[in-house]
Amino acid sequence: MNADFVNPFLSAFVNVLSTMAMTEVKPDKPRIKKDEVARGDVSGLIGMVGPQTKGSFSVSFEENLALEVMGRMLGEKPNEVNEEVTDMVGEITNMVTGGAKRLLSEKGYEFDMATPVVVSGKGHTLTHKSEGPVMIMPFMSDAGAAHIEICFDKVVK
């Protein structure tokens, strides 16, 4: 997978969490994901399509991190994943993808974004509709882990 295409998603994710939720996340080692099981308890998944490629992006939060981010954004931490938390995860998914889209457009890549879908629950699955490999990148924070997944068909410029 082309690092020029992946890095905007990584930097947009770090930027969104630090500016919107005052939460610092540190990346761990990326790898190719071999199954569809989410590595978190609540996930946002968004599709992207454009003339050069089609793909999808997801972010999965461990429950504690999702609750902590919600508390830092709104000043009140919920006790469990609820509709407000799933809405927040959908919005974070949208903001990260929008930030990556802006960075990629500066490099000549264009795509349209779908509306994010949010799934929650222990052991839920994420199905990327693209034919390329799924790259997963863990991020660690003081409140738990998040994992982003990026999957694209072959990118042509």
N, C-alpha and C. Protein backbone atom coordinates (compact mmCIF):
# COMPACT_ATOMS: atom_id res chain seq x y z
N MET A 1 0.85 -1.17 0.00
CA MET A 1 0.00 0.00 0.00
C MET A 1 0.90 1.24 0.00
N ASN A 2 0.52 2.21 -0.78
CA ASN A 2 1.30 3.42 -0.99
C ASN A 2 1.27 4.30 0.27
N ALA A 3 2.45 4.55 0.84
CA ALA A 3 2.55 5.37 2.06
C ALA A 3 2.02 6.78 1.83
N ASP A 4 2.20 7.32 0.61
CA ASP A 4 1.68 8.66 0.31
C ASP A 4 0.16 8.70 0.42
N PHE A 5 -0.48 7.55 0.25
CA PHE A 5 -1.93 7.49 0.34
C PHE A 5 -2.39 7.19 1.77
N VAL A 6 -1.59 6.44 2.51
CA VAL A 6 -1.96 6.04 3.88
C VAL A 6 -1.65 7.13 4.90
N ASN A 7 -0.50 7.78 4.79
CA ASN A 7 -0.07 8.75 5.80
C ASN A 7 -1.06 9.88 6.07
N PRO A 8 -1.78 10.40 5.06
CA PRO A 8 -2.78 11.44 5.38
C PRO A 8 -3.86 10.97 6.36
N PHE A 9 -4.23 9.69 6.31
CA PHE A 9 -5.22 9.17 7.25
C PHE A 9 -4.63 9.09 8.65
N LEU A 10 -3.38 8.68 8.74
CA LEU A 10 -2.73 8.58 10.04
C LEU A 10 -2.59 9.96 10.68
N SER A 11 -2.11 10.93 9.92
CA SER A 11 -1.93 12.27 10.49
C SER A 11 -3.27 12.93 10.79
N ALA A 12 -4.28 12.70 9.96
CA ALA A 12 -5.61 13.27 10.23
C ALA A 12 -6.20 12.68 11.52
N PHE A 13 -6.00 11.39 11.75
CA PHE A 13 -6.51 10.76 12.97
C PHE A 13 -5.85 11.37 14.21
N VAL A 14 -4.52 11.47 14.19
CA VAL A 14 -3.79 12.07 15.32
C VAL A 14 -4.26 13.51 15.54
N ASN A 15 -4.42 14.26 14.46
CA ASN A 15 -4.85 15.65 14.54
C ASN A 15 -6.26 15.78 15.12
N VAL A 16 -7.19 14.98 14.65
CA VAL A 16 -8.58 15.08 15.13
C VAL A 16 -8.64 14.77 16.62
N LEU A 17 -7.98 13.69 17.06
CA LEU A 17 -8.05 13.36 18.49
C LEU A 17 -7.35 14.39 19.36
N SER A 18 -6.24 14.95 18.89
CA SER A 18 -5.55 15.92 19.72
C SER A 18 -6.29 17.25 19.79
N THR A 19 -6.89 17.70 18.68
CA THR A 19 -7.57 19.00 18.69
C THR A 19 -8.99 18.92 19.24
N MET A 20 -9.72 17.86 18.93
CA MET A 20 -11.12 17.77 19.34
C MET A 20 -11.30 17.18 20.74
N ALA A 21 -10.37 16.30 21.16
CA ALA A 21 -10.55 15.60 22.43
C ALA A 21 -9.34 15.71 23.35
N MET A 22 -8.40 16.58 23.00
CA MET A 22 -7.20 16.72 23.83
C MET A 22 -6.63 15.35 24.21
N THR A 23 -6.59 14.44 23.26
CA THR A 23 -6.12 13.08 23.49
C THR A 23 -4.94 12.80 22.57
N GLU A 24 -3.81 12.46 23.17
CA GLU A 24 -2.63 12.12 22.39
C GLU A 24 -2.62 10.62 22.14
N VAL A 25 -2.40 10.23 20.89
CA VAL A 25 -2.29 8.81 20.54
C VAL A 25 -0.94 8.59 19.87
N LYS A 26 -0.35 7.46 20.18
CA LYS A 26 0.96 7.09 19.62
C LYS A 26 0.78 5.87 18.72
N PRO A 27 1.28 5.96 17.47
CA PRO A 27 1.13 4.82 16.57
C PRO A 27 2.04 3.67 16.96
N ASP A 28 1.56 2.47 16.70
CA ASP A 28 2.35 1.25 16.87
C ASP A 28 2.69 0.75 15.47
N LYS A 29 3.04 -0.51 15.34
CA LYS A 29 3.46 -1.03 14.04
C LYS A 29 2.26 -1.41 13.17
N PRO A 30 2.25 -0.94 11.92
CA PRO A 30 1.17 -1.35 11.01
C PRO A 30 1.39 -2.79 10.56
N ARG A 31 0.30 -3.41 10.16
CA ARG A 31 0.38 -4.77 9.60
C ARG A 31 -0.82 -5.01 8.69
N ILE A 32 -0.76 -6.08 7.95
CA ILE A 32 -1.89 -6.47 7.11
C ILE A 32 -2.85 -7.28 7.97
N LYS A 33 -4.11 -6.92 7.92
CA LYS A 33 -5.14 -7.60 8.71
C LYS A 33 -5.68 -8.78 7.91
N LYS A 34 -5.81 -9.92 8.56
CA LYS A 34 -6.21 -11.15 7.88
C LYS A 34 -7.65 -11.58 8.15
N ASP A 35 -8.35 -10.90 9.06
CA ASP A 35 -9.73 -11.27 9.37
C ASP A 35 -10.61 -10.02 9.38
N GLU A 36 -11.89 -10.20 9.68
CA GLU A 36 -12.82 -9.06 9.68
C GLU A 36 -13.21 -8.63 11.09
N VAL A 37 -12.65 -9.23 12.13
CA VAL A 37 -13.02 -8.90 13.50
C VAL A 37 -12.40 -7.55 13.88
N ALA A 38 -13.24 -6.64 14.36
CA ALA A 38 -12.76 -5.32 14.79
C ALA A 38 -11.90 -5.48 16.03
N ARG A 39 -10.91 -4.61 16.18
CA ARG A 39 -10.02 -4.66 17.33
C ARG A 39 -10.48 -3.70 18.43
N GLY A 40 -11.69 -3.20 18.32
CA GLY A 40 -12.25 -2.31 19.33
C GLY A 40 -13.69 -2.68 19.59
N ASP A 41 -14.35 -1.87 20.41
CA ASP A 41 -15.73 -2.13 20.82
C ASP A 41 -16.75 -1.27 20.09
N VAL A 42 -16.29 -0.19 19.48
CA VAL A 42 -17.18 0.67 18.69
C VAL A 42 -16.37 1.19 17.51
N SER A 43 -16.94 1.04 16.30
CA SER A 43 -16.19 1.34 15.08
C SER A 43 -17.02 2.17 14.11
N GLY A 44 -16.33 3.07 13.42
CA GLY A 44 -16.92 3.80 12.30
C GLY A 44 -16.26 3.31 11.02
N LEU A 45 -17.05 3.11 9.98
CA LEU A 45 -16.56 2.63 8.68
C LEU A 45 -17.13 3.53 7.60
N ILE A 46 -16.26 3.99 6.70
CA ILE A 46 -16.70 4.89 5.64
C ILE A 46 -16.10 4.45 4.31
N GLY A 47 -16.91 4.49 3.28
CA GLY A 47 -16.45 4.17 1.93
C GLY A 47 -16.05 5.42 1.18
N MET A 48 -15.12 5.22 0.24
CA MET A 48 -14.63 6.33 -0.59
C MET A 48 -14.51 5.82 -2.02
N VAL A 49 -14.88 6.67 -2.98
CA VAL A 49 -14.74 6.28 -4.37
C VAL A 49 -14.35 7.51 -5.19
N GLY A 50 -13.48 7.28 -6.14
CA GLY A 50 -13.02 8.36 -7.01
C GLY A 50 -12.49 7.79 -8.30
N PRO A 51 -12.05 8.66 -9.21
CA PRO A 51 -11.57 8.19 -10.49
C PRO A 51 -10.28 7.36 -10.40
N GLN A 52 -9.49 7.55 -9.35
CA GLN A 52 -8.22 6.83 -9.25
C GLN A 52 -8.29 5.55 -8.41
N THR A 53 -9.29 5.45 -7.56
CA THR A 53 -9.38 4.28 -6.68
C THR A 53 -10.73 4.24 -5.99
N LYS A 54 -10.97 3.14 -5.29
CA LYS A 54 -12.09 3.07 -4.34
C LYS A 54 -11.57 2.34 -3.12
N GLY A 55 -12.15 2.66 -1.98
CA GLY A 55 -11.65 2.05 -0.77
C GLY A 55 -12.52 2.36 0.42
N SER A 56 -11.99 2.04 1.58
CA SER A 56 -12.71 2.33 2.82
C SER A 56 -11.72 2.56 3.94
N PHE A 57 -12.22 3.25 4.95
CA PHE A 57 -11.45 3.59 6.14
C PHE A 57 -12.31 3.28 7.35
N SER A 58 -11.70 2.75 8.39
CA SER A 58 -12.44 2.55 9.63
C SER A 58 -11.56 2.92 10.82
N VAL A 59 -12.22 3.28 11.88
CA VAL A 59 -11.55 3.50 13.16
C VAL A 59 -12.34 2.77 14.22
N SER A 60 -11.64 1.98 15.03
CA SER A 60 -12.26 1.22 16.12
C SER A 60 -11.65 1.66 17.44
N PHE A 61 -12.50 1.96 18.39
CA PHE A 61 -12.07 2.39 19.72
C PHE A 61 -12.40 1.31 20.74
N GLU A 62 -11.45 1.05 21.65
CA GLU A 62 -11.80 0.27 22.82
C GLU A 62 -12.82 1.10 23.60
N GLU A 63 -13.72 0.43 24.31
CA GLU A 63 -14.80 1.13 25.00
C GLU A 63 -14.29 2.24 25.91
N ASN A 64 -13.29 1.97 26.72
CA ASN A 64 -12.81 2.98 27.67
C ASN A 64 -12.30 4.22 26.95
N LEU A 65 -11.58 4.03 25.84
CA LEU A 65 -11.07 5.19 25.10
C LEU A 65 -12.23 5.97 24.48
N ALA A 66 -13.22 5.28 23.92
CA ALA A 66 -14.38 5.98 23.34
C ALA A 66 -15.09 6.81 24.41
N LEU A 67 -15.27 6.25 25.59
CA LEU A 67 -15.94 6.98 26.67
C LEU A 67 -15.10 8.17 27.14
N GLU A 68 -13.78 7.97 27.20
CA GLU A 68 -12.89 9.05 27.62
C GLU A 68 -12.89 10.18 26.59
N VAL A 69 -12.83 9.85 25.31
CA VAL A 69 -12.87 10.86 24.25
C VAL A 69 -14.17 11.65 24.33
N MET A 70 -15.27 10.94 24.53
CA MET A 70 -16.57 11.60 24.66
C MET A 70 -16.55 12.56 25.85
N GLY A 71 -16.00 12.12 26.97
CA GLY A 71 -15.92 12.98 28.15
C GLY A 71 -15.06 14.20 27.91
N ARG A 72 -13.95 14.03 27.21
CA ARG A 72 -13.06 15.16 26.95
C ARG A 72 -13.67 16.14 25.95
N MET A 73 -14.49 15.63 25.04
CA MET A 73 -15.11 16.51 24.04
C MET A 73 -16.29 17.27 24.63
N LEU A 74 -17.08 16.61 25.47
CA LEU A 74 -18.31 17.23 25.95
C LEU A 74 -18.31 17.58 27.43
N GLY A 75 -17.25 17.18 28.15
CA GLY A 75 -17.18 17.53 29.56
C GLY A 75 -17.88 16.56 30.49
N GLU A 76 -18.56 15.55 29.93
CA GLU A 76 -19.23 14.56 30.77
C GLU A 76 -19.00 13.19 30.17
N LYS A 77 -18.38 12.31 30.94
CA LYS A 77 -18.04 10.97 30.46
C LYS A 77 -19.21 10.01 30.71
N PRO A 78 -19.74 9.39 29.66
CA PRO A 78 -20.82 8.42 29.86
C PRO A 78 -20.29 7.13 30.51
N ASN A 79 -21.20 6.32 31.04
CA ASN A 79 -20.84 5.07 31.70
C ASN A 79 -20.74 3.89 30.74
N GLU A 80 -21.34 4.04 29.55
CA GLU A 80 -21.35 2.94 28.58
C GLU A 80 -21.48 3.52 27.18
N VAL A 81 -21.22 2.67 26.19
CA VAL A 81 -21.40 3.09 24.80
C VAL A 81 -22.90 3.24 24.57
N ASN A 82 -23.30 4.46 24.20
CA ASN A 82 -24.70 4.75 23.92
C ASN A 82 -24.80 5.44 22.56
N GLU A 83 -25.98 5.93 22.24
CA GLU A 83 -26.19 6.55 20.93
C GLU A 83 -25.31 7.79 20.73
N GLU A 84 -25.11 8.55 21.77
CA GLU A 84 -24.24 9.73 21.65
C GLU A 84 -22.80 9.33 21.35
N VAL A 85 -22.32 8.25 21.96
CA VAL A 85 -20.96 7.78 21.71
C VAL A 85 -20.84 7.26 20.28
N THR A 86 -21.82 6.50 19.82
CA THR A 86 -21.75 6.00 18.44
C THR A 86 -21.83 7.15 17.44
N ASP A 87 -22.63 8.17 17.75
CA ASP A 87 -22.67 9.36 16.88
C ASP A 87 -21.31 10.04 16.84
N MET A 88 -20.64 10.13 17.99
CA MET A 88 -19.32 10.75 18.06
C MET A 88 -18.32 9.96 17.23
N VAL A 89 -18.35 8.64 17.31
CA VAL A 89 -17.43 7.81 16.53
C VAL A 89 -17.68 8.01 15.04
N GLY A 90 -18.94 8.11 14.64
CA GLY A 90 -19.25 8.40 13.24
C GLY A 90 -18.71 9.75 12.81
N GLU A 91 -18.82 10.73 13.68
CA GLU A 91 -18.32 12.07 13.36
C GLU A 91 -16.80 12.09 13.29
N ILE A 92 -16.13 11.39 14.20
CA ILE A 92 -14.67 11.30 14.14
C ILE A 92 -14.24 10.62 12.84
N THR A 93 -14.94 9.56 12.46
CA THR A 93 -14.65 8.86 11.20
C THR A 93 -14.76 9.83 10.04
N ASN A 94 -15.81 10.63 10.04
CA ASN A 94 -16.04 11.63 8.99
C ASN A 94 -14.94 12.70 8.99
N MET A 95 -14.58 13.19 10.16
CA MET A 95 -13.56 14.24 10.25
C MET A 95 -12.19 13.74 9.80
N VAL A 96 -11.83 12.52 10.18
CA VAL A 96 -10.54 11.97 9.78
C VAL A 96 -10.50 11.78 8.26
N THR A 97 -11.57 11.22 7.72
CA THR A 97 -11.61 11.00 6.27
C THR A 97 -11.60 12.33 5.52
N GLY A 98 -12.32 13.32 6.04
CA GLY A 98 -12.32 14.65 5.41
C GLY A 98 -10.94 15.29 5.46
N GLY A 99 -10.24 15.14 6.59
CA GLY A 99 -8.89 15.68 6.70
C GLY A 99 -7.93 14.99 5.74
N ALA A 100 -8.05 13.67 5.61
CA ALA A 100 -7.21 12.93 4.67
C ALA A 100 -7.55 13.31 3.24
N LYS A 101 -8.84 13.51 2.97
CA LYS A 101 -9.26 13.90 1.61
C LYS A 101 -8.63 15.24 1.22
N ARG A 102 -8.62 16.18 2.16
CA ARG A 102 -8.01 17.48 1.89
C ARG A 102 -6.52 17.34 1.59
N LEU A 103 -5.81 16.55 2.41
CA LEU A 103 -4.38 16.34 2.18
C LEU A 103 -4.11 15.62 0.86
N LEU A 104 -4.95 14.64 0.54
CA LEU A 104 -4.75 13.89 -0.70
C LEU A 104 -5.08 14.72 -1.93
N SER A 105 -6.04 15.63 -1.81
CA SER A 105 -6.38 16.46 -2.97
C SER A 105 -5.20 17.36 -3.36
N GLU A 106 -4.39 17.74 -2.35
CA GLU A 106 -3.20 18.54 -2.63
C GLU A 106 -2.17 17.75 -3.44
N LYS A 107 -2.27 16.40 -3.40
CA LYS A 107 -1.36 15.54 -4.16
C LYS A 107 -2.00 15.04 -5.46
N GLY A 108 -3.20 15.55 -5.77
CA GLY A 108 -3.84 15.19 -7.03
C GLY A 108 -4.80 14.01 -6.95
N TYR A 109 -5.08 13.50 -5.76
CA TYR A 109 -6.05 12.41 -5.60
C TYR A 109 -7.40 12.99 -5.21
N GLU A 110 -8.42 12.52 -5.84
CA GLU A 110 -9.78 12.98 -5.53
C GLU A 110 -10.67 11.78 -5.25
N PHE A 111 -11.57 11.92 -4.30
CA PHE A 111 -12.58 10.89 -4.05
C PHE A 111 -13.76 11.51 -3.32
N ASP A 112 -14.89 10.86 -3.43
CA ASP A 112 -16.08 11.24 -2.69
C ASP A 112 -16.23 10.29 -1.51
N MET A 113 -16.83 10.81 -0.44
CA MET A 113 -17.01 10.03 0.78
C MET A 113 -18.48 9.68 0.95
N ALA A 114 -18.72 8.46 1.43
CA ALA A 114 -20.07 8.04 1.78
C ALA A 114 -20.37 8.51 3.21
N THR A 115 -21.54 8.19 3.69
CA THR A 115 -21.89 8.46 5.09
C THR A 115 -21.34 7.32 5.93
N PRO A 116 -20.69 7.63 7.05
CA PRO A 116 -20.12 6.55 7.86
C PRO A 116 -21.20 5.66 8.48
N VAL A 117 -20.86 4.40 8.65
CA VAL A 117 -21.69 3.43 9.35
C VAL A 117 -20.97 3.14 10.66
N VAL A 118 -21.70 3.08 11.77
CA VAL A 118 -21.10 2.81 13.06
C VAL A 118 -21.64 1.48 13.58
N VAL A 119 -20.73 0.63 14.06
CA VAL A 119 -21.07 -0.67 14.60
C VAL A 119 -20.44 -0.76 15.98
N SER A 120 -21.17 -1.35 16.93
CA SER A 120 -20.60 -1.50 18.26
C SER A 120 -20.91 -2.88 18.81
N GLY A 121 -20.21 -3.24 19.86
CA GLY A 121 -20.37 -4.53 20.50
C GLY A 121 -19.07 -5.31 20.46
N LYS A 122 -18.86 -6.12 21.46
CA LYS A 122 -17.65 -6.94 21.53
C LYS A 122 -17.63 -7.92 20.36
N GLY A 123 -16.49 -8.00 19.67
CA GLY A 123 -16.33 -8.98 18.59
C GLY A 123 -17.06 -8.67 17.30
N HIS A 124 -17.52 -7.43 17.10
CA HIS A 124 -18.21 -7.11 15.84
C HIS A 124 -17.22 -7.17 14.68
N THR A 125 -17.76 -7.23 13.47
CA THR A 125 -16.90 -7.35 12.30
C THR A 125 -17.02 -6.11 11.41
N LEU A 126 -15.96 -5.89 10.63
CA LEU A 126 -15.91 -4.80 9.65
C LEU A 126 -15.58 -5.42 8.30
N THR A 127 -16.41 -5.15 7.31
CA THR A 127 -16.18 -5.70 5.98
C THR A 127 -15.82 -4.57 5.04
N HIS A 128 -14.59 -4.56 4.58
CA HIS A 128 -14.14 -3.58 3.59
C HIS A 128 -14.50 -4.12 2.21
N LYS A 129 -15.11 -3.27 1.38
CA LYS A 129 -15.62 -3.71 0.08
C LYS A 129 -14.59 -3.61 -1.04
N SER A 130 -13.38 -3.21 -0.73
CA SER A 130 -12.35 -3.09 -1.75
C SER A 130 -11.60 -4.41 -1.89
N GLU A 131 -10.88 -4.52 -2.98
CA GLU A 131 -10.17 -5.77 -3.24
C GLU A 131 -8.73 -5.76 -2.75
N GLY A 132 -8.25 -4.63 -2.30
CA GLY A 132 -6.88 -4.55 -1.83
C GLY A 132 -6.74 -5.11 -0.43
N PRO A 133 -5.50 -5.20 0.06
CA PRO A 133 -5.27 -5.66 1.44
C PRO A 133 -5.76 -4.63 2.44
N VAL A 134 -6.09 -5.08 3.63
CA VAL A 134 -6.50 -4.19 4.71
C VAL A 134 -5.28 -3.94 5.60
N MET A 135 -4.86 -2.68 5.67
CA MET A 135 -3.76 -2.29 6.54
C MET A 135 -4.37 -1.82 7.86
N ILE A 136 -3.87 -2.37 8.96
CA ILE A 136 -4.36 -1.96 10.28
C ILE A 136 -3.21 -1.31 11.05
N MET A 137 -3.53 -0.21 11.72
CA MET A 137 -2.52 0.53 12.47
C MET A 137 -3.07 0.76 13.88
N PRO A 138 -2.44 0.14 14.88
CA PRO A 138 -2.85 0.39 16.27
C PRO A 138 -2.31 1.72 16.77
N PHE A 139 -3.09 2.37 17.61
CA PHE A 139 -2.68 3.59 18.29
C PHE A 139 -2.93 3.40 19.78
N MET A 140 -1.98 3.80 20.60
CA MET A 140 -2.11 3.67 22.04
C MET A 140 -2.27 5.04 22.68
N SER A 141 -3.05 5.10 23.75
CA SER A 141 -3.23 6.34 24.50
C SER A 141 -3.30 6.00 25.98
N ASP A 142 -3.36 7.03 26.80
CA ASP A 142 -3.46 6.81 28.24
C ASP A 142 -4.80 6.19 28.64
N ALA A 143 -5.79 6.22 27.76
CA ALA A 143 -7.12 5.71 28.09
C ALA A 143 -7.48 4.42 27.34
N GLY A 144 -6.56 3.89 26.54
CA GLY A 144 -6.85 2.67 25.81
C GLY A 144 -6.36 2.76 24.38
N ALA A 145 -6.76 1.79 23.58
CA ALA A 145 -6.27 1.69 22.21
C ALA A 145 -7.36 2.01 21.19
N ALA A 146 -6.89 2.45 20.03
CA ALA A 146 -7.74 2.61 18.85
C ALA A 146 -6.98 1.97 17.69
N HIS A 147 -7.72 1.50 16.71
CA HIS A 147 -7.11 0.90 15.53
C HIS A 147 -7.76 1.51 14.30
N ILE A 148 -6.93 1.96 13.37
CA ILE A 148 -7.50 2.39 12.10
C ILE A 148 -7.18 1.34 11.05
N GLU A 149 -8.11 1.19 10.13
CA GLU A 149 -7.94 0.26 9.02
C GLU A 149 -8.14 1.03 7.73
N ILE A 150 -7.28 0.75 6.77
CA ILE A 150 -7.36 1.40 5.46
C ILE A 150 -7.28 0.31 4.40
N CYS A 151 -8.20 0.34 3.47
CA CYS A 151 -8.23 -0.64 2.40
C CYS A 151 -8.57 0.06 1.09
N PHE A 152 -7.71 -0.09 0.09
CA PHE A 152 -7.95 0.51 -1.22
C PHE A 152 -7.65 -0.48 -2.32
N ASP A 153 -8.44 -0.40 -3.39
CA ASP A 153 -8.05 -1.06 -4.61
C ASP A 153 -6.79 -0.35 -5.10
N LYS A 154 -6.17 -0.86 -6.10
CA LYS A 154 -4.95 -0.26 -6.63
C LYS A 154 -5.17 1.22 -6.93
N VAL A 155 -4.27 2.04 -6.42
CA VAL A 155 -4.36 3.49 -6.61
C VAL A 155 -3.61 3.84 -7.89
N VAL A 156 -4.30 4.55 -8.80
CA VAL A 156 -3.66 5.01 -10.03
C VAL A 156 -3.63 6.53 -10.02
N LYS A 157 -2.58 7.09 -10.53
CA LYS A 157 -2.47 8.54 -10.54
C LYS A 157 -2.52 9.03 -11.97
